[in-house]
C-alpha cells in the first residue's frame, strides 16, 4: 500500500516550484513530502554516515599497516571509494594523535626546562641585567641580542624570562604544529617526484604516497604515546626504525626500483627533507614569536 504524501507546492530545499504529481523535486532531488524529523531519521542519518566511515577506516588502517604502498597503488588505480581517501585518512589520524598527545600530557613537557638560577625563577629584570652586563657590552653578542629582541618587539626577552609565559608560548607552538607538518607534506611529495621521477606518475601521485607515509608515522606515534602513557615504556627508537623499514618497503614497491636504487634515492630524500624541515621549523618558530600575543 503506497503511503499518502503531504505535498508542498514549493521545494523547501531549493525553492523550485513543484506540481501536485511530483514526488521528488526535479531540481535538487529532495522528496516532496512534509514530515517531521524523527529520532529514527537522526539514527538513520548517523548510522549511514558513521558506519560507512568506520568500516572504511578499519579496512584502510589494516592495509596501511600490513601492506606498505597498497593504499597508494589502489587509489591511483581508481579504487577510490573502497577505502578512506588519503587526505581524510591523514586528517583523521593526525587529529587523533594530537588529541591523544594533549590528553596524555598531564604535565607540560617544557616544565623540565630549567630557567632558574640556583632554584629561583629568573625574572625579567635579571635577564635584562645579564644582557646589559659588562661581558656583553663590548661584543657583537649584545648587538645581536638587541637586534633580535627589537625585531620581535621585546617578546623574546619576555617569553624566555618567565616560565609561565614560556609554557604558554610552547602550548601555543604545539597547537600550531599540525600546520607545519601539513605544509611539509607537499615538500616531501616534491622531493619524491624529483628523486623517484617516473613518467607515469604526476606530482599528485607522489603526494598521495607521501600522505600515506605520514599517516603511518602518526599511527606509530599514537602507539608509542599510548605505550609510554600506560606502561611507561619508551618506544620512540623502535618507531623510528619502523618508519625507516616501512618507508623502504613502501617506496620499493610503489616505484618498482631495485633495493640499492631505492635506498640511495630515499637517503637523498631524507637528507634534503631534514634540512628543509629544519629551515621551515625555524621560520615557523620565528613567525609564531612575531605574532604571539603577550
Protein backbone atom coordinates (compact mmCIF):
# COMPACT_ATOMS: atom_id res chain seq x y z
CA UNK A 1 0.00 0.00 0.00
CA UNK A 2 1.50 3.30 -1.13
CA UNK A 3 1.91 5.83 1.62
CA UNK A 4 -0.06 9.04 1.48
CA UNK A 5 2.09 12.08 0.84
CA UNK A 6 1.50 15.55 2.14
CA UNK A 7 2.95 17.55 -0.70
CA UNK A 8 4.25 21.09 -0.99
CA UNK A 9 3.93 23.49 -3.88
CA UNK A 10 7.49 24.79 -3.36
CA UNK A 11 10.62 22.77 -2.59
CA UNK A 12 11.89 23.80 0.88
CA UNK A 13 15.43 22.96 -0.16
CA UNK A 14 15.86 24.99 -3.36
CA UNK A 15 12.55 26.94 -3.72
CA UNK A 16 11.72 25.24 -7.02
CA UNK A 17 8.03 25.38 -7.94
CA UNK A 18 6.51 21.90 -7.76
CA UNK A 19 3.46 20.33 -9.36
CA UNK A 20 0.96 18.19 -7.48
CA UNK A 21 2.02 15.00 -9.20
CA UNK A 22 5.73 15.43 -8.40
CA UNK A 23 7.01 13.09 -5.70
CA UNK A 24 10.54 14.49 -5.88
CA UNK A 25 11.99 17.89 -6.73
CA UNK A 26 13.31 17.81 -10.31
CA UNK A 27 15.96 20.40 -9.40
CA UNK A 28 17.62 19.03 -6.25
CA UNK A 29 16.04 15.60 -5.83
CA UNK A 30 14.56 16.16 -2.36
CA UNK A 31 11.44 14.14 -1.59
CA UNK A 32 8.20 16.12 -1.88
CA UNK A 33 6.68 15.09 1.41
CA UNK A 34 6.08 17.17 4.53
CA UNK A 35 7.29 15.19 7.51
CA UNK A 36 8.65 15.94 10.92
CA UNK A 37 12.20 14.99 11.83
CA UNK A 38 12.10 11.87 13.98
CA UNK A 39 14.58 10.02 16.14
CA UNK A 40 14.67 7.21 13.60
CA UNK A 41 15.66 9.69 10.90
CA UNK A 42 18.52 11.01 13.02
CA UNK A 43 19.70 7.48 13.82
CA UNK A 44 19.49 6.56 10.14
CA UNK A 45 21.48 9.62 9.06
CA UNK A 46 24.11 8.98 11.73
CA UNK A 47 24.49 5.27 11.06
CA UNK A 48 24.67 5.65 7.29
CA UNK A 49 27.49 8.19 7.67
CA UNK A 50 29.32 6.87 10.73
CA UNK A 51 29.37 3.17 9.96
CA UNK A 52 30.39 3.74 6.35
CA UNK A 53 33.27 5.89 7.60
CA UNK A 54 34.01 3.44 10.39
CA UNK A 55 34.23 0.42 8.11
CA UNK A 56 36.41 2.24 5.61
CA UNK A 57 38.66 3.44 8.43
CA UNK A 58 39.37 -0.03 9.80
CA UNK A 59 39.92 -1.50 6.33
CA UNK A 60 42.22 1.39 5.42
CA UNK A 61 44.18 1.07 8.67
CA UNK A 62 44.58 -2.67 8.15
CA UNK A 63 46.13 -2.23 4.72
CA UNK A 64 48.10 0.85 5.76
CA UNK A 65 49.83 -1.15 8.50
CA UNK A 66 50.20 -4.53 6.82
CA UNK A 67 50.74 -3.71 3.14
CA UNK A 68 53.12 -0.80 2.51
CA UNK A 69 52.07 1.31 -0.54
CA UNK A 70 48.96 -0.85 -1.13
CA UNK A 71 46.53 2.01 -0.48
CA UNK A 72 48.51 4.38 -2.72
CA UNK A 73 48.53 1.92 -5.61
CA UNK A 74 44.84 1.11 -5.16
CA UNK A 75 43.93 4.80 -5.12
CA UNK A 76 45.93 5.56 -8.26
CA UNK A 77 44.31 2.55 -9.96
CA UNK A 78 40.90 4.13 -9.43
CA UNK A 79 39.68 2.27 -6.34
CA UNK A 80 38.65 5.46 -4.56
CA UNK A 81 35.50 4.56 -2.65
CA UNK A 82 36.68 1.25 -1.14
CA UNK A 83 38.99 2.98 1.37
CA UNK A 84 39.29 6.33 3.12
CA UNK A 85 40.73 8.87 0.74
CA UNK A 86 44.36 9.78 1.51
CA UNK A 87 43.66 13.29 2.78
CA UNK A 88 40.76 12.16 5.01
CA UNK A 89 42.83 9.31 6.43
CA UNK A 90 45.71 11.68 7.17
CA UNK A 91 43.48 14.30 8.82
CA UNK A 92 41.70 11.72 10.99
CA UNK A 93 44.90 10.03 12.20
CA UNK A 94 46.79 13.28 12.76
CA UNK A 95 43.83 14.71 14.69
CA UNK A 96 43.72 11.54 16.82
CA UNK A 97 47.43 11.83 17.57
CA UNK A 98 47.39 15.49 18.61
CA UNK A 99 44.24 14.94 20.67
CA UNK A 100 45.81 11.97 22.42
CA UNK A 101 49.01 13.91 22.97
CA UNK A 102 47.10 16.76 24.62
CA UNK A 103 45.27 14.30 26.89
CA UNK A 104 48.34 12.35 27.96
CA UNK A 105 50.48 15.43 28.60
CA UNK A 106 49.33 15.97 32.17
CA UNK A 107 52.47 17.95 32.86
CA UNK A 108 53.80 20.45 30.42
CA UNK A 109 56.80 18.88 28.70
CA UNK A 110 58.62 22.17 28.95
CA UNK A 111 58.47 22.13 32.74
CA UNK A 112 61.66 20.11 32.55
CA UNK A 113 63.50 23.11 31.12
CA UNK A 114 65.31 24.80 33.97
CA UNK A 115 65.07 28.57 33.58
CA UNK A 116 66.16 29.18 37.15
CA UNK A 117 69.17 30.46 38.96
CA UNK A 118 70.07 28.14 41.86
CA UNK A 119 66.46 27.06 42.22
CA UNK A 120 65.00 30.55 41.97
CA UNK A 121 62.98 31.73 38.99
CA UNK A 122 64.77 34.19 36.77
CA UNK A 123 62.88 37.45 36.49
CA UNK A 124 62.63 39.76 33.53
CA UNK A 125 64.88 42.25 35.30
CA UNK A 126 67.57 39.62 35.85
CA UNK A 127 67.54 38.68 32.18
CA UNK A 128 67.84 42.33 31.24
CA UNK A 129 70.69 42.77 33.75
CA UNK A 130 72.51 39.83 32.16
CA UNK A 131 72.05 41.37 28.74
CA UNK A 132 73.38 44.69 30.00
CA UNK A 133 76.28 43.14 31.88
CA UNK A 134 79.84 44.20 31.02
CA UNK A 135 80.53 40.80 29.49
CA UNK A 136 78.12 41.60 26.70
CA UNK A 137 78.51 45.36 26.49
CA UNK A 138 81.55 45.39 24.22
CA UNK A 139 80.96 42.46 21.89
CA UNK A 140 78.80 41.50 18.97
CA UNK A 141 76.53 39.24 21.06
CA UNK A 142 74.97 42.26 22.74
CA UNK A 143 74.19 43.86 19.40
CA UNK A 144 72.76 40.63 18.01
CA UNK A 145 70.54 40.09 21.08
CA UNK A 146 69.32 43.69 20.97
CA UNK A 147 68.56 43.43 17.25
CA UNK A 148 66.61 40.19 17.66
CA UNK A 149 64.68 41.49 20.65
CA UNK A 150 63.88 44.73 18.83
CA UNK A 151 62.64 42.88 15.75
CA UNK A 152 60.31 40.79 17.92
CA UNK A 153 59.11 43.80 19.91
CA UNK A 154 60.80 42.56 23.07
CA UNK A 155 58.81 39.31 23.03
CA UNK A 156 61.90 37.09 23.12
CA UNK A 157 63.01 38.51 26.44
CA UNK A 158 59.50 38.41 27.88
CA UNK A 159 58.85 34.81 26.79
CA UNK A 160 62.14 33.29 27.87
CA UNK A 161 62.43 35.16 31.14
CA UNK A 162 59.18 33.90 32.61
CA UNK A 163 58.47 30.19 32.99
CA UNK A 164 54.70 30.61 32.90
CA UNK A 165 54.91 32.71 29.75
CA UNK A 166 57.28 30.17 28.23
CA UNK A 167 54.87 27.31 28.91
CA UNK A 168 52.02 29.35 27.46
CA UNK A 169 54.03 30.04 24.33
CA UNK A 170 55.07 26.39 23.96
CA UNK A 171 51.43 25.30 24.24
CA UNK A 172 50.64 27.81 21.52
CA UNK A 173 53.51 26.45 19.44
CA UNK A 174 52.37 22.83 19.82
CA UNK A 175 48.82 23.77 18.80
CA UNK A 176 50.19 25.13 15.53
CA UNK A 177 52.48 22.17 14.73
CA UNK A 178 49.85 20.40 12.55
CA UNK A 179 50.07 23.35 10.16
CA UNK A 180 53.83 22.94 9.82
CA UNK A 181 53.60 19.19 9.31
CA UNK A 182 50.82 19.60 6.76
CA UNK A 183 52.91 22.19 4.91
CA UNK A 184 55.86 19.79 4.74
CA UNK A 185 53.85 17.03 3.05
CA UNK A 186 53.89 18.77 -0.38
CA UNK A 187 57.61 19.32 0.17
CA UNK A 188 58.00 15.59 0.80
CA UNK A 189 55.93 14.84 -2.30
CA UNK A 190 58.06 17.22 -4.37
CA UNK A 191 61.26 15.50 -3.27
CA UNK A 192 59.80 12.11 -4.13
CA UNK A 193 58.83 13.50 -7.53
CA UNK A 194 62.39 14.76 -8.01
CA UNK A 195 64.35 11.70 -6.85
CA UNK A 196 61.89 8.97 -7.91
CA UNK A 197 60.83 10.50 -11.21
CA UNK A 198 58.69 8.21 -13.36
CA UNK A 199 56.80 9.24 -16.48
CA UNK A 200 53.60 7.51 -15.41
CA UNK A 201 53.47 9.41 -12.11
CA UNK A 202 52.41 13.02 -11.74
CA UNK A 203 53.21 15.19 -8.73
CA UNK A 204 49.83 14.42 -7.14
CA UNK A 205 50.63 10.69 -7.31
CA UNK A 206 53.75 11.23 -5.23
CA UNK A 207 51.67 13.40 -2.91
CA UNK A 208 49.24 10.52 -2.32
CA UNK A 209 52.18 8.28 -1.41
CA UNK A 210 53.55 10.98 0.95
CA UNK A 211 50.18 11.28 2.69
CA UNK A 212 50.06 7.54 3.35
CA UNK A 213 53.62 7.51 4.67
CA UNK A 214 52.86 10.40 7.01
CA UNK A 215 49.66 8.66 8.14
CA UNK A 216 51.69 5.57 9.01
CA UNK A 217 54.12 7.73 11.01
CA UNK A 218 51.25 9.16 13.03
CA UNK A 219 49.93 5.65 13.75
CA UNK A 220 53.32 4.67 15.15
CA UNK A 221 53.41 7.86 17.20
CA UNK A 222 49.97 7.03 18.61
CA UNK A 223 51.14 3.53 19.58
CA UNK A 224 54.31 4.95 21.11
CA UNK A 225 52.33 7.59 23.07
CA UNK A 226 49.82 5.06 24.42
CA UNK A 227 52.58 2.63 25.40
CA UNK A 228 54.50 5.32 27.23
CA UNK A 229 51.35 6.62 28.93
CA UNK A 230 50.07 3.25 30.16
CA UNK A 231 53.16 1.04 30.50
CA UNK A 232 55.81 3.77 30.96
CA UNK A 233 57.81 2.20 28.13
CA UNK A 234 59.59 4.43 25.63
CA UNK A 235 59.26 3.16 22.04
CA UNK A 236 60.47 6.18 20.05
CA UNK A 237 63.58 4.32 18.88
CA UNK A 238 61.51 1.39 17.62
CA UNK A 239 59.10 3.83 15.96
CA UNK A 240 61.95 5.48 14.05
CA UNK A 241 63.29 2.08 12.97
CA UNK A 242 59.77 1.06 11.93
CA UNK A 243 59.37 4.16 9.78
CA UNK A 244 62.69 3.53 8.03
CA UNK A 245 61.86 -0.11 7.26
CA UNK A 246 58.28 0.63 6.26
CA UNK A 247 59.33 3.58 4.08
CA UNK A 248 61.91 1.46 2.26
CA UNK A 249 59.43 -1.38 1.61
CA UNK A 250 56.70 1.02 0.51
CA UNK A 251 58.97 3.03 -1.83
CA UNK A 252 60.46 -0.08 -3.41
CA UNK A 253 57.03 -1.48 -4.22
CA UNK A 254 55.42 1.80 -5.24
CA UNK A 255 58.24 2.96 -7.51
CA UNK A 256 59.36 -0.52 -8.61
CA UNK A 257 63.05 0.20 -8.09
CA UNK A 258 65.89 -2.08 -7.06
CA UNK A 259 66.88 -2.35 -3.41
CA UNK A 260 70.07 -0.34 -3.90
CA UNK A 261 68.37 2.28 -6.08
CA UNK A 262 65.54 2.71 -3.60
CA UNK A 263 67.94 3.01 -0.67
CA UNK A 264 70.10 5.64 -2.39
CA UNK A 265 67.14 7.73 -3.50
CA UNK A 266 65.48 7.53 -0.10
CA UNK A 267 68.73 8.61 1.55
CA UNK A 268 68.83 11.75 -0.60
CA UNK A 269 65.14 12.42 0.06
CA UNK A 270 65.65 12.03 3.81
CA UNK A 271 68.75 14.24 3.85
CA UNK A 272 67.20 17.10 1.86
CA UNK A 273 63.89 16.80 3.72
CA UNK A 274 65.70 17.05 7.06
CA UNK A 275 67.43 20.29 6.01
CA UNK A 276 64.24 21.81 4.60
CA UNK A 277 62.27 20.73 7.66
CA UNK A 278 64.80 22.37 9.97
CA UNK A 279 64.74 25.60 7.96
CA UNK A 280 60.93 25.57 7.85
CA UNK A 281 60.73 24.90 11.58
CA UNK A 282 62.98 27.89 12.32
CA UNK A 283 60.95 30.20 10.09
CA UNK A 284 57.75 28.82 11.60
CA UNK A 285 59.08 29.38 15.13
CA UNK A 286 60.11 32.97 14.46
CA UNK A 287 56.78 33.75 12.81
CA UNK A 288 54.92 32.43 15.83
CA UNK A 289 57.07 34.53 18.15
CA UNK A 290 56.45 37.58 15.98
CA UNK A 291 52.69 37.21 16.02
CA UNK A 292 52.34 35.76 19.52
CA UNK A 293 50.23 37.94 21.79
CA UNK A 294 51.61 38.63 25.25
